[in-house]
């Protein structure tokens, strides 16, 4: 749903909903190897929406959460590195 939104505010709202839903579904296993890549993807997407809204510091904080997740993946790492150098 988030990627189909034309408005960055709507995209961010959907990203927040997805993060909230993931936290509710997997509160005890949110950092498990099976869930971490999904969580990392949600964090990266949310950071992208924040970036579109001009909230670069918030985007960087959102991406920093990815560093703590096992199996975060190379895409998340690349995005994180690009915002650290911006």
PDB file of N, CA and C in Angstrom:
ATOM      1  N   UNK A   1       0.805  -1.195   0.000  1.00  0.00           N
ATOM      2  CA  UNK A   1       0.000   0.000   0.000  1.00  0.00           C
ATOM      3  C   UNK A   1       0.857   1.272   0.000  1.00  0.00           C
ATOM      4  N   UNK A   2       1.964   1.238   0.717  1.00  0.00           N
ATOM      5  CA  UNK A   2       2.727   2.485   0.847  1.00  0.00           C
ATOM      6  C   UNK A   2       3.267   2.978  -0.485  1.00  0.00           C
ATOM      7  N   UNK A   3       3.762   2.068  -1.296  1.00  0.00           N
ATOM      8  CA  UNK A   3       4.353   2.477  -2.567  1.00  0.00           C
ATOM      9  C   UNK A   3       3.320   2.958  -3.571  1.00  0.00           C
ATOM     10  N   UNK A   4       2.061   2.667  -3.332  1.00  0.00           N
ATOM     11  CA  UNK A   4       1.022   3.123  -4.255  1.00  0.00           C
ATOM     12  C   UNK A   4       0.487   4.507  -3.896  1.00  0.00           C
ATOM     13  N   UNK A   5       1.016   5.087  -2.832  1.00  0.00           N
ATOM     14  CA  UNK A   5       0.559   6.407  -2.404  1.00  0.00           C
ATOM     15  C   UNK A   5       1.317   7.503  -3.147  1.00  0.00           C
ATOM     16  N   UNK A   6       0.589   8.477  -3.667  1.00  0.00           N
ATOM     17  CA  UNK A   6       1.215   9.599  -4.363  1.00  0.00           C
ATOM     18  C   UNK A   6       1.704  10.676  -3.396  1.00  0.00           C
ATOM     19  N   UNK A   7       1.043  10.792  -2.282  1.00  0.00           N
ATOM     20  CA  UNK A   7       1.364  11.826  -1.296  1.00  0.00           C
ATOM     21  C   UNK A   7       2.345  11.267  -0.260  1.00  0.00           C
ATOM     22  N   UNK A   8       3.490  11.916  -0.040  1.00  0.00           N
ATOM     23  CA  UNK A   8       4.457  11.419   0.954  1.00  0.00           C
ATOM     24  C   UNK A   8       3.870  11.280   2.355  1.00  0.00           C
ATOM     25  N   UNK A   9       2.944  12.166   2.735  1.00  0.00           N
ATOM     26  CA  UNK A   9       2.309  12.043   4.055  1.00  0.00           C
ATOM     27  C   UNK A   9       1.511  10.753   4.155  1.00  0.00           C
ATOM     28  N   UNK A  10       0.786  10.413   3.077  1.00  0.00           N
ATOM     29  CA  UNK A  10       0.028   9.163   3.064  1.00  0.00           C
ATOM     30  C   UNK A  10       0.956   7.961   3.085  1.00  0.00           C
ATOM     31  N   UNK A  11       2.044   8.044   2.343  1.00  0.00           N
ATOM     32  CA  UNK A  11       3.024   6.958   2.326  1.00  0.00           C
ATOM     33  C   UNK A  11       3.586   6.721   3.727  1.00  0.00           C
ATOM     34  N   UNK A  12       3.934   7.812   4.404  1.00  0.00           N
ATOM     35  CA  UNK A  12       4.471   7.708   5.756  1.00  0.00           C
ATOM     36  C   UNK A  12       3.435   7.110   6.712  1.00  0.00           C
ATOM     37  N   UNK A  13       2.182   7.527   6.578  1.00  0.00           N
ATOM     38  CA  UNK A  13       1.118   6.997   7.429  1.00  0.00           C
ATOM     39  C   UNK A  13       0.987   5.484   7.262  1.00  0.00           C
ATOM     40  N   UNK A  14       1.018   5.003   6.023  1.00  0.00           N
ATOM     41  CA  UNK A  14       0.937   3.566   5.771  1.00  0.00           C
ATOM     42  C   UNK A  14       2.166   2.838   6.321  1.00  0.00           C
ATOM     43  N   UNK A  15       3.343   3.452   6.184  1.00  0.00           N
ATOM     44  CA  UNK A  15       4.552   2.837   6.735  1.00  0.00           C
ATOM     45  C   UNK A  15       4.445   2.705   8.249  1.00  0.00           C
ATOM     46  N   UNK A  16       3.960   3.741   8.906  1.00  0.00           N
ATOM     47  CA  UNK A  16       3.790   3.680  10.360  1.00  0.00           C
ATOM     48  C   UNK A  16       2.814   2.580  10.751  1.00  0.00           C
ATOM     49  N   UNK A  17       1.718   2.467  10.000  1.00  0.00           N
ATOM     50  CA  UNK A  17       0.740   1.408  10.280  1.00  0.00           C
ATOM     51  C   UNK A  17       1.372   0.030  10.135  1.00  0.00           C
ATOM     52  N   UNK A  18       2.180  -0.146   9.111  1.00  0.00           N
ATOM     53  CA  UNK A  18       2.836  -1.440   8.896  1.00  0.00           C
ATOM     54  C   UNK A  18       3.798  -1.753  10.035  1.00  0.00           C
ATOM     55  N   UNK A  19       4.557  -0.762  10.482  1.00  0.00           N
ATOM     56  CA  UNK A  19       5.470  -0.978  11.607  1.00  0.00           C
ATOM     57  C   UNK A  19       4.699  -1.325  12.879  1.00  0.00           C
ATOM     58  N   UNK A  20       3.594  -0.628  13.123  1.00  0.00           N
ATOM     59  CA  UNK A  20       2.771  -0.918  14.301  1.00  0.00           C
ATOM     60  C   UNK A  20       2.200  -2.333  14.232  1.00  0.00           C
ATOM     61  N   UNK A  21       1.726  -2.717  13.055  1.00  0.00           N
ATOM     62  CA  UNK A  21       1.163  -4.061  12.896  1.00  0.00           C
ATOM     63  C   UNK A  21       2.229  -5.126  13.109  1.00  0.00           C
ATOM     64  N   UNK A  22       3.414  -4.902  12.580  1.00  0.00           N
ATOM     65  CA  UNK A  22       4.505  -5.862  12.766  1.00  0.00           C
ATOM     66  C   UNK A  22       4.860  -5.994  14.241  1.00  0.00           C
ATOM     67  N   UNK A  23       4.843  -4.892  14.958  1.00  0.00           N
ATOM     68  CA  UNK A  23       5.164  -4.930  16.391  1.00  0.00           C
ATOM     69  C   UNK A  23       4.097  -5.692  17.176  1.00  0.00           C
ATOM     70  N   UNK A  24       2.839  -5.554  16.762  1.00  0.00           N
ATOM     71  CA  UNK A  24       1.763  -6.262  17.456  1.00  0.00           C
ATOM     72  C   UNK A  24       1.773  -7.758  17.164  1.00  0.00           C
ATOM     73  N   UNK A  25       2.077  -8.105  15.939  1.00  0.00           N
ATOM     74  CA  UNK A  25       2.053  -9.506  15.538  1.00  0.00           C
ATOM     75  C   UNK A  25       3.214 -10.274  16.141  1.00  0.00           C
ATOM     76  N   UNK A  26       4.352  -9.617  16.259  1.00  0.00           N
ATOM     77  CA  UNK A  26       5.552 -10.326  16.700  1.00  0.00           C
ATOM     78  C   UNK A  26       6.258  -9.639  17.864  1.00  0.00           C
ATOM     79  N   UNK A  27       5.524  -9.271  18.917  1.00  0.00           N
ATOM     80  CA  UNK A  27       6.200  -8.534  19.996  1.00  0.00           C
ATOM     81  C   UNK A  27       7.332  -9.296  20.664  1.00  0.00           C
ATOM     82  N   UNK A  28       7.213 -10.596  20.757  1.00  0.00           N
ATOM     83  CA  UNK A  28       8.259 -11.376  21.410  1.00  0.00           C
ATOM     84  C   UNK A  28       9.338 -11.836  20.452  1.00  0.00           C
ATOM     85  N   UNK A  29       9.046 -11.779  19.149  1.00  0.00           N
ATOM     86  CA  UNK A  29       9.974 -12.296  18.155  1.00  0.00           C
ATOM     87  C   UNK A  29      10.384 -11.248  17.137  1.00  0.00           C
ATOM     88  N   UNK A  30      10.257  -9.982  17.468  1.00  0.00           N
ATOM     89  CA  UNK A  30      10.475  -8.927  16.477  1.00  0.00           C
ATOM     90  C   UNK A  30      11.908  -8.884  15.949  1.00  0.00           C
ATOM     91  N   UNK A  31      12.844  -9.443  16.683  1.00  0.00           N
ATOM     92  CA  UNK A  31      14.232  -9.463  16.215  1.00  0.00           C
ATOM     93  C   UNK A  31      14.680 -10.860  15.792  1.00  0.00           C
ATOM     94  N   UNK A  32      13.750 -11.777  15.646  1.00  0.00           N
ATOM     95  CA  UNK A  32      14.137 -13.129  15.244  1.00  0.00           C
ATOM     96  C   UNK A  32      14.638 -13.124  13.803  1.00  0.00           C
ATOM     97  N   UNK A  33      15.478 -14.068  13.436  1.00  0.00           N
ATOM     98  CA  UNK A  33      16.008 -14.108  12.071  1.00  0.00           C
ATOM     99  C   UNK A  33      14.925 -14.167  10.996  1.00  0.00           C
ATOM    100  N   UNK A  34      13.779 -14.735  11.302  1.00  0.00           N
ATOM    101  CA  UNK A  34      12.703 -14.814  10.312  1.00  0.00           C
ATOM    102  C   UNK A  34      11.976 -13.482  10.133  1.00  0.00           C
ATOM    103  N   UNK A  35      11.925 -12.685  11.173  1.00  0.00           N
ATOM    104  CA  UNK A  35      11.159 -11.442  11.141  1.00  0.00           C
ATOM    105  C   UNK A  35      12.046 -10.228  10.847  1.00  0.00           C
ATOM    106  N   UNK A  36      13.296 -10.293  11.225  1.00  0.00           N
ATOM    107  CA  UNK A  36      14.187  -9.139  11.090  1.00  0.00           C
ATOM    108  C   UNK A  36      14.272  -8.579   9.672  1.00  0.00           C
ATOM    109  N   UNK A  37      14.367  -9.408   8.626  1.00  0.00           N
ATOM    110  CA  UNK A  37      14.429  -8.821   7.281  1.00  0.00           C
ATOM    111  C   UNK A  37      13.169  -8.039   6.919  1.00  0.00           C
ATOM    112  N   UNK A  38      12.005  -8.521   7.336  1.00  0.00           N
ATOM    113  CA  UNK A  38      10.758  -7.789   7.094  1.00  0.00           C
ATOM    114  C   UNK A  38      10.787  -6.472   7.853  1.00  0.00           C
ATOM    115  N   UNK A  39      11.187  -6.540   9.101  1.00  0.00           N
ATOM    116  CA  UNK A  39      11.256  -5.333   9.924  1.00  0.00           C
ATOM    117  C   UNK A  39      12.251  -4.336   9.314  1.00  0.00           C
ATOM    118  N   UNK A  40      13.380  -4.825   8.839  1.00  0.00           N
ATOM    119  CA  UNK A  40      14.374  -3.955   8.208  1.00  0.00           C
ATOM    120  C   UNK A  40      13.786  -3.273   6.980  1.00  0.00           C
ATOM    121  N   UNK A  41      13.046  -4.021   6.180  1.00  0.00           N
ATOM    122  CA  UNK A  41      12.419  -3.456   4.992  1.00  0.00           C
ATOM    123  C   UNK A  41      11.418  -2.368   5.368  1.00  0.00           C
ATOM    124  N   UNK A  42      10.633  -2.621   6.393  1.00  0.00           N
ATOM    125  CA  UNK A  42       9.671  -1.614   6.858  1.00  0.00           C
ATOM    126  C   UNK A  42      10.384  -0.357   7.342  1.00  0.00           C
ATOM    127  N   UNK A  43      11.476  -0.545   8.077  1.00  0.00           N
ATOM    128  CA  UNK A  43      12.236   0.610   8.559  1.00  0.00           C
ATOM    129  C   UNK A  43      12.833   1.406   7.400  1.00  0.00           C
ATOM    130  N   UNK A  44      13.353   0.713   6.391  1.00  0.00           N
ATOM    131  CA  UNK A  44      13.927   1.394   5.227  1.00  0.00           C
ATOM    132  C   UNK A  44      12.843   2.160   4.472  1.00  0.00           C
ATOM    133  N   UNK A  45      11.683   1.537   4.282  1.00  0.00           N
ATOM    134  CA  UNK A  45      10.589   2.220   3.598  1.00  0.00           C
ATOM    135  C   UNK A  45      10.112   3.438   4.369  1.00  0.00           C
ATOM    136  N   UNK A  46      10.018   3.311   5.682  1.00  0.00           N
ATOM    137  CA  UNK A  46       9.601   4.439   6.509  1.00  0.00           C
ATOM    138  C   UNK A  46      10.629   5.565   6.429  1.00  0.00           C
ATOM    139  N   UNK A  47      11.893   5.208   6.463  1.00  0.00           N
ATOM    140  CA  UNK A  47      12.948   6.214   6.331  1.00  0.00           C
ATOM    141  C   UNK A  47      12.856   6.919   4.981  1.00  0.00           C
ATOM    142  N   UNK A  48      12.537   6.184   3.938  1.00  0.00           N
ATOM    143  CA  UNK A  48      12.370   6.792   2.615  1.00  0.00           C
ATOM    144  C   UNK A  48      11.240   7.788   2.595  1.00  0.00           C
ATOM    145  N   UNK A  49      10.140   7.453   3.248  1.00  0.00           N
ATOM    146  CA  UNK A  49       9.007   8.381   3.326  1.00  0.00           C
ATOM    147  C   UNK A  49       9.394   9.627   4.125  1.00  0.00           C
ATOM    148  N   UNK A  50      10.114   9.439   5.213  1.00  0.00           N
ATOM    149  CA  UNK A  50      10.562  10.582   6.006  1.00  0.00           C
ATOM    150  C   UNK A  50      11.491  11.478   5.197  1.00  0.00           C
ATOM    151  N   UNK A  51      12.351  10.861   4.409  1.00  0.00           N
ATOM    152  CA  UNK A  51      13.253  11.623   3.549  1.00  0.00           C
ATOM    153  C   UNK A  51      12.460  12.464   2.545  1.00  0.00           C
ATOM    154  N   UNK A  52      11.432  11.865   1.939  1.00  0.00           N
ATOM    155  CA  UNK A  52      10.585  12.603   0.996  1.00  0.00           C
ATOM    156  C   UNK A  52       9.891  13.786   1.659  1.00  0.00           C
ATOM    157  N   UNK A  53       9.621  13.655   2.941  1.00  0.00           N
ATOM    158  CA  UNK A  53       8.976  14.733   3.692  1.00  0.00           C
ATOM    159  C   UNK A  53       9.988  15.775   4.172  1.00  0.00           C
ATOM    160  N   UNK A  54      11.258  15.577   3.847  1.00  0.00           N
ATOM    161  CA  UNK A  54      12.291  16.521   4.262  1.00  0.00           C
ATOM    162  C   UNK A  54      12.729  16.343   5.698  1.00  0.00           C
ATOM    163  N   UNK A  55      12.432  15.206   6.291  1.00  0.00           N
ATOM    164  CA  UNK A  55      12.769  14.938   7.687  1.00  0.00           C
ATOM    165  C   UNK A  55      13.994  14.022   7.744  1.00  0.00           C
ATOM    166  N   UNK A  56      15.130  14.556   7.286  1.00  0.00           N
ATOM    167  CA  UNK A  56      16.346  13.763   7.130  1.00  0.00           C
ATOM    168  C   UNK A  56      16.838  13.177   8.452  1.00  0.00           C
ATOM    169  N   UNK A  57      16.827  13.947   9.512  1.00  0.00           N
ATOM    170  CA  UNK A  57      17.293  13.421  10.806  1.00  0.00           C
ATOM    171  C   UNK A  57      16.401  12.281  11.290  1.00  0.00           C
ATOM    172  N   UNK A  58      15.088  12.424  11.115  1.00  0.00           N
ATOM    173  CA  UNK A  58      14.180  11.338  11.492  1.00  0.00           C
ATOM    174  C   UNK A  58      14.439  10.105  10.635  1.00  0.00           C
ATOM    175  N   UNK A  59      14.715  10.317   9.350  1.00  0.00           N
ATOM    176  CA  UNK A  59      15.022   9.204   8.448  1.00  0.00           C
ATOM    177  C   UNK A  59      16.283   8.491   8.912  1.00  0.00           C
ATOM    178  N   UNK A  60      17.290   9.233   9.286  1.00  0.00           N
ATOM    179  CA  UNK A  60      18.535   8.620   9.768  1.00  0.00           C
ATOM    180  C   UNK A  60      18.308   7.823  11.042  1.00  0.00           C
ATOM    181  N   UNK A  61      17.485   8.350  11.947  1.00  0.00           N
ATOM    182  CA  UNK A  61      17.181   7.624  13.188  1.00  0.00           C
ATOM    183  C   UNK A  61      16.425   6.326  12.871  1.00  0.00           C
ATOM    184  N   UNK A  62      15.499   6.402  11.922  1.00  0.00           N
ATOM    185  CA  UNK A  62      14.742   5.208  11.537  1.00  0.00           C
ATOM    186  C   UNK A  62      15.678   4.153  10.970  1.00  0.00           C
ATOM    187  N   UNK A  63      16.615   4.584  10.154  1.00  0.00           N
ATOM    188  CA  UNK A  63      17.574   3.643   9.568  1.00  0.00           C
ATOM    189  C   UNK A  63      18.548   3.097  10.601  1.00  0.00           C
ATOM    190  N   UNK A  64      18.845   3.874  11.610  1.00  0.00           N
ATOM    191  CA  UNK A  64      19.764   3.405  12.654  1.00  0.00           C
ATOM    192  C   UNK A  64      19.199   2.169  13.352  1.00  0.00           C
ATOM    193  N   UNK A  65      17.880   2.071  13.416  1.00  0.00           N
ATOM    194  CA  UNK A  65      17.245   0.900  14.030  1.00  0.00           C
ATOM    195  C   UNK A  65      17.572  -0.364  13.246  1.00  0.00           C
ATOM    196  N   UNK A  66      17.798  -0.210  11.946  1.00  0.00           N
ATOM    197  CA  UNK A  66      18.099  -1.363  11.098  1.00  0.00           C
ATOM    198  C   UNK A  66      19.429  -1.989  11.494  1.00  0.00           C
ATOM    199  N   UNK A  67      20.372  -1.186  11.916  1.00  0.00           N
ATOM    200  CA  UNK A  67      21.695  -1.707  12.274  1.00  0.00           C
ATOM    201  C   UNK A  67      21.635  -2.748  13.378  1.00  0.00           C
ATOM    202  N   UNK A  68      20.629  -2.689  14.229  1.00  0.00           N
ATOM    203  CA  UNK A  68      20.545  -3.600  15.366  1.00  0.00           C
ATOM    204  C   UNK A  68      19.844  -4.912  15.017  1.00  0.00           C
ATOM    205  N   UNK A  69      19.241  -4.982  13.825  1.00  0.00           N
ATOM    206  CA  UNK A  69      18.485  -6.174  13.459  1.00  0.00           C
ATOM    207  C   UNK A  69      19.368  -7.211  12.774  1.00  0.00           C
ATOM    208  N   UNK A  70      19.288  -8.470  13.219  1.00  0.00           N
ATOM    209  CA  UNK A  70      20.039  -9.514  12.527  1.00  0.00           C
ATOM    210  C   UNK A  70      19.445  -9.729  11.137  1.00  0.00           C
ATOM    211  N   UNK A  71      20.290  -9.965  10.162  1.00  0.00           N
ATOM    212  CA  UNK A  71      19.814 -10.231   8.816  1.00  0.00           C
ATOM    213  C   UNK A  71      19.184  -9.037   8.137  1.00  0.00           C
ATOM    214  N   UNK A  72      19.642  -7.844   8.463  1.00  0.00           N
ATOM    215  CA  UNK A  72      19.016  -6.635   7.922  1.00  0.00           C
ATOM    216  C   UNK A  72      19.164  -6.531   6.418  1.00  0.00           C
ATOM    217  N   UNK A  73      20.185  -7.111   5.865  1.00  0.00           N
ATOM    218  CA  UNK A  73      20.314  -7.127   4.421  1.00  0.00           C
ATOM    219  C   UNK A  73      21.158  -6.000   3.871  1.00  0.00           C
ATOM    220  N   UNK A  74      21.649  -6.214   2.659  1.00  0.00           N
ATOM    221  CA  UNK A  74      22.547  -5.239   2.042  1.00  0.00           C
ATOM    222  C   UNK A  74      21.829  -3.976   1.605  1.00  0.00           C
ATOM    223  N   UNK A  75      20.561  -4.097   1.192  1.00  0.00           N
ATOM    224  CA  UNK A  75      19.823  -2.891   0.778  1.00  0.00           C
ATOM    225  C   UNK A  75      19.724  -1.895   1.929  1.00  0.00           C
ATOM    226  N   UNK A  76      19.365  -2.400   3.090  1.00  0.00           N
ATOM    227  CA  UNK A  76      19.247  -1.528   4.259  1.00  0.00           C
ATOM    228  C   UNK A  76      20.596  -0.904   4.600  1.00  0.00           C
ATOM    229  N   UNK A  77      21.647  -1.685   4.523  1.00  0.00           N
ATOM    230  CA  UNK A  77      22.977  -1.163   4.832  1.00  0.00           C
ATOM    231  C   UNK A  77      23.381  -0.068   3.839  1.00  0.00           C
ATOM    232  N   UNK A  78      23.101  -0.292   2.547  1.00  0.00           N
ATOM    233  CA  UNK A  78      23.445   0.716   1.532  1.00  0.00           C
ATOM    234  C   UNK A  78      22.694   2.017   1.775  1.00  0.00           C
ATOM    235  N   UNK A  79      21.404   1.912   2.083  1.00  0.00           N
ATOM    236  CA  UNK A  79      20.606   3.114   2.336  1.00  0.00           C
ATOM    237  C   UNK A  79      21.159   3.834   3.565  1.00  0.00           C
ATOM    238  N   UNK A  80      21.470   3.073   4.588  1.00  0.00           N
ATOM    239  CA  UNK A  80      21.995   3.663   5.816  1.00  0.00           C
ATOM    240  C   UNK A  80      23.317   4.372   5.548  1.00  0.00           C
ATOM    241  N   UNK A  81      24.201   3.738   4.804  1.00  0.00           N
ATOM    242  CA  UNK A  81      25.481   4.366   4.487  1.00  0.00           C
ATOM    243  C   UNK A  81      25.308   5.642   3.671  1.00  0.00           C
ATOM    244  N   UNK A  82      24.353   5.654   2.753  1.00  0.00           N
ATOM    245  CA  UNK A  82      24.152   6.851   1.921  1.00  0.00           C
ATOM    246  C   UNK A  82      23.603   8.004   2.739  1.00  0.00           C
ATOM    247  N   UNK A  83      22.792   7.735   3.778  1.00  0.00           N
ATOM    248  CA  UNK A  83      22.302   8.839   4.580  1.00  0.00           C
ATOM    249  C   UNK A  83      23.344   9.324   5.574  1.00  0.00           C
ATOM    250  N   UNK A  84      24.263   8.432   5.997  1.00  0.00           N
ATOM    251  CA  UNK A  84      25.325   8.879   6.876  1.00  0.00           C
ATOM    252  C   UNK A  84      26.288   9.811   6.146  1.00  0.00           C
ATOM    253  N   UNK A  85      26.435   9.601   4.856  1.00  0.00           N
ATOM    254  CA  UNK A  85      27.387  10.431   4.088  1.00  0.00           C
ATOM    255  C   UNK A  85      26.747  11.682   3.524  1.00  0.00           C
ATOM    256  N   UNK A  86      25.411  11.808   3.635  1.00  0.00           N
ATOM    257  CA  UNK A  86      24.723  12.991   3.070  1.00  0.00           C
ATOM    258  C   UNK A  86      24.890  14.203   3.951  1.00  0.00           C
TER     259      UNK A  86
END
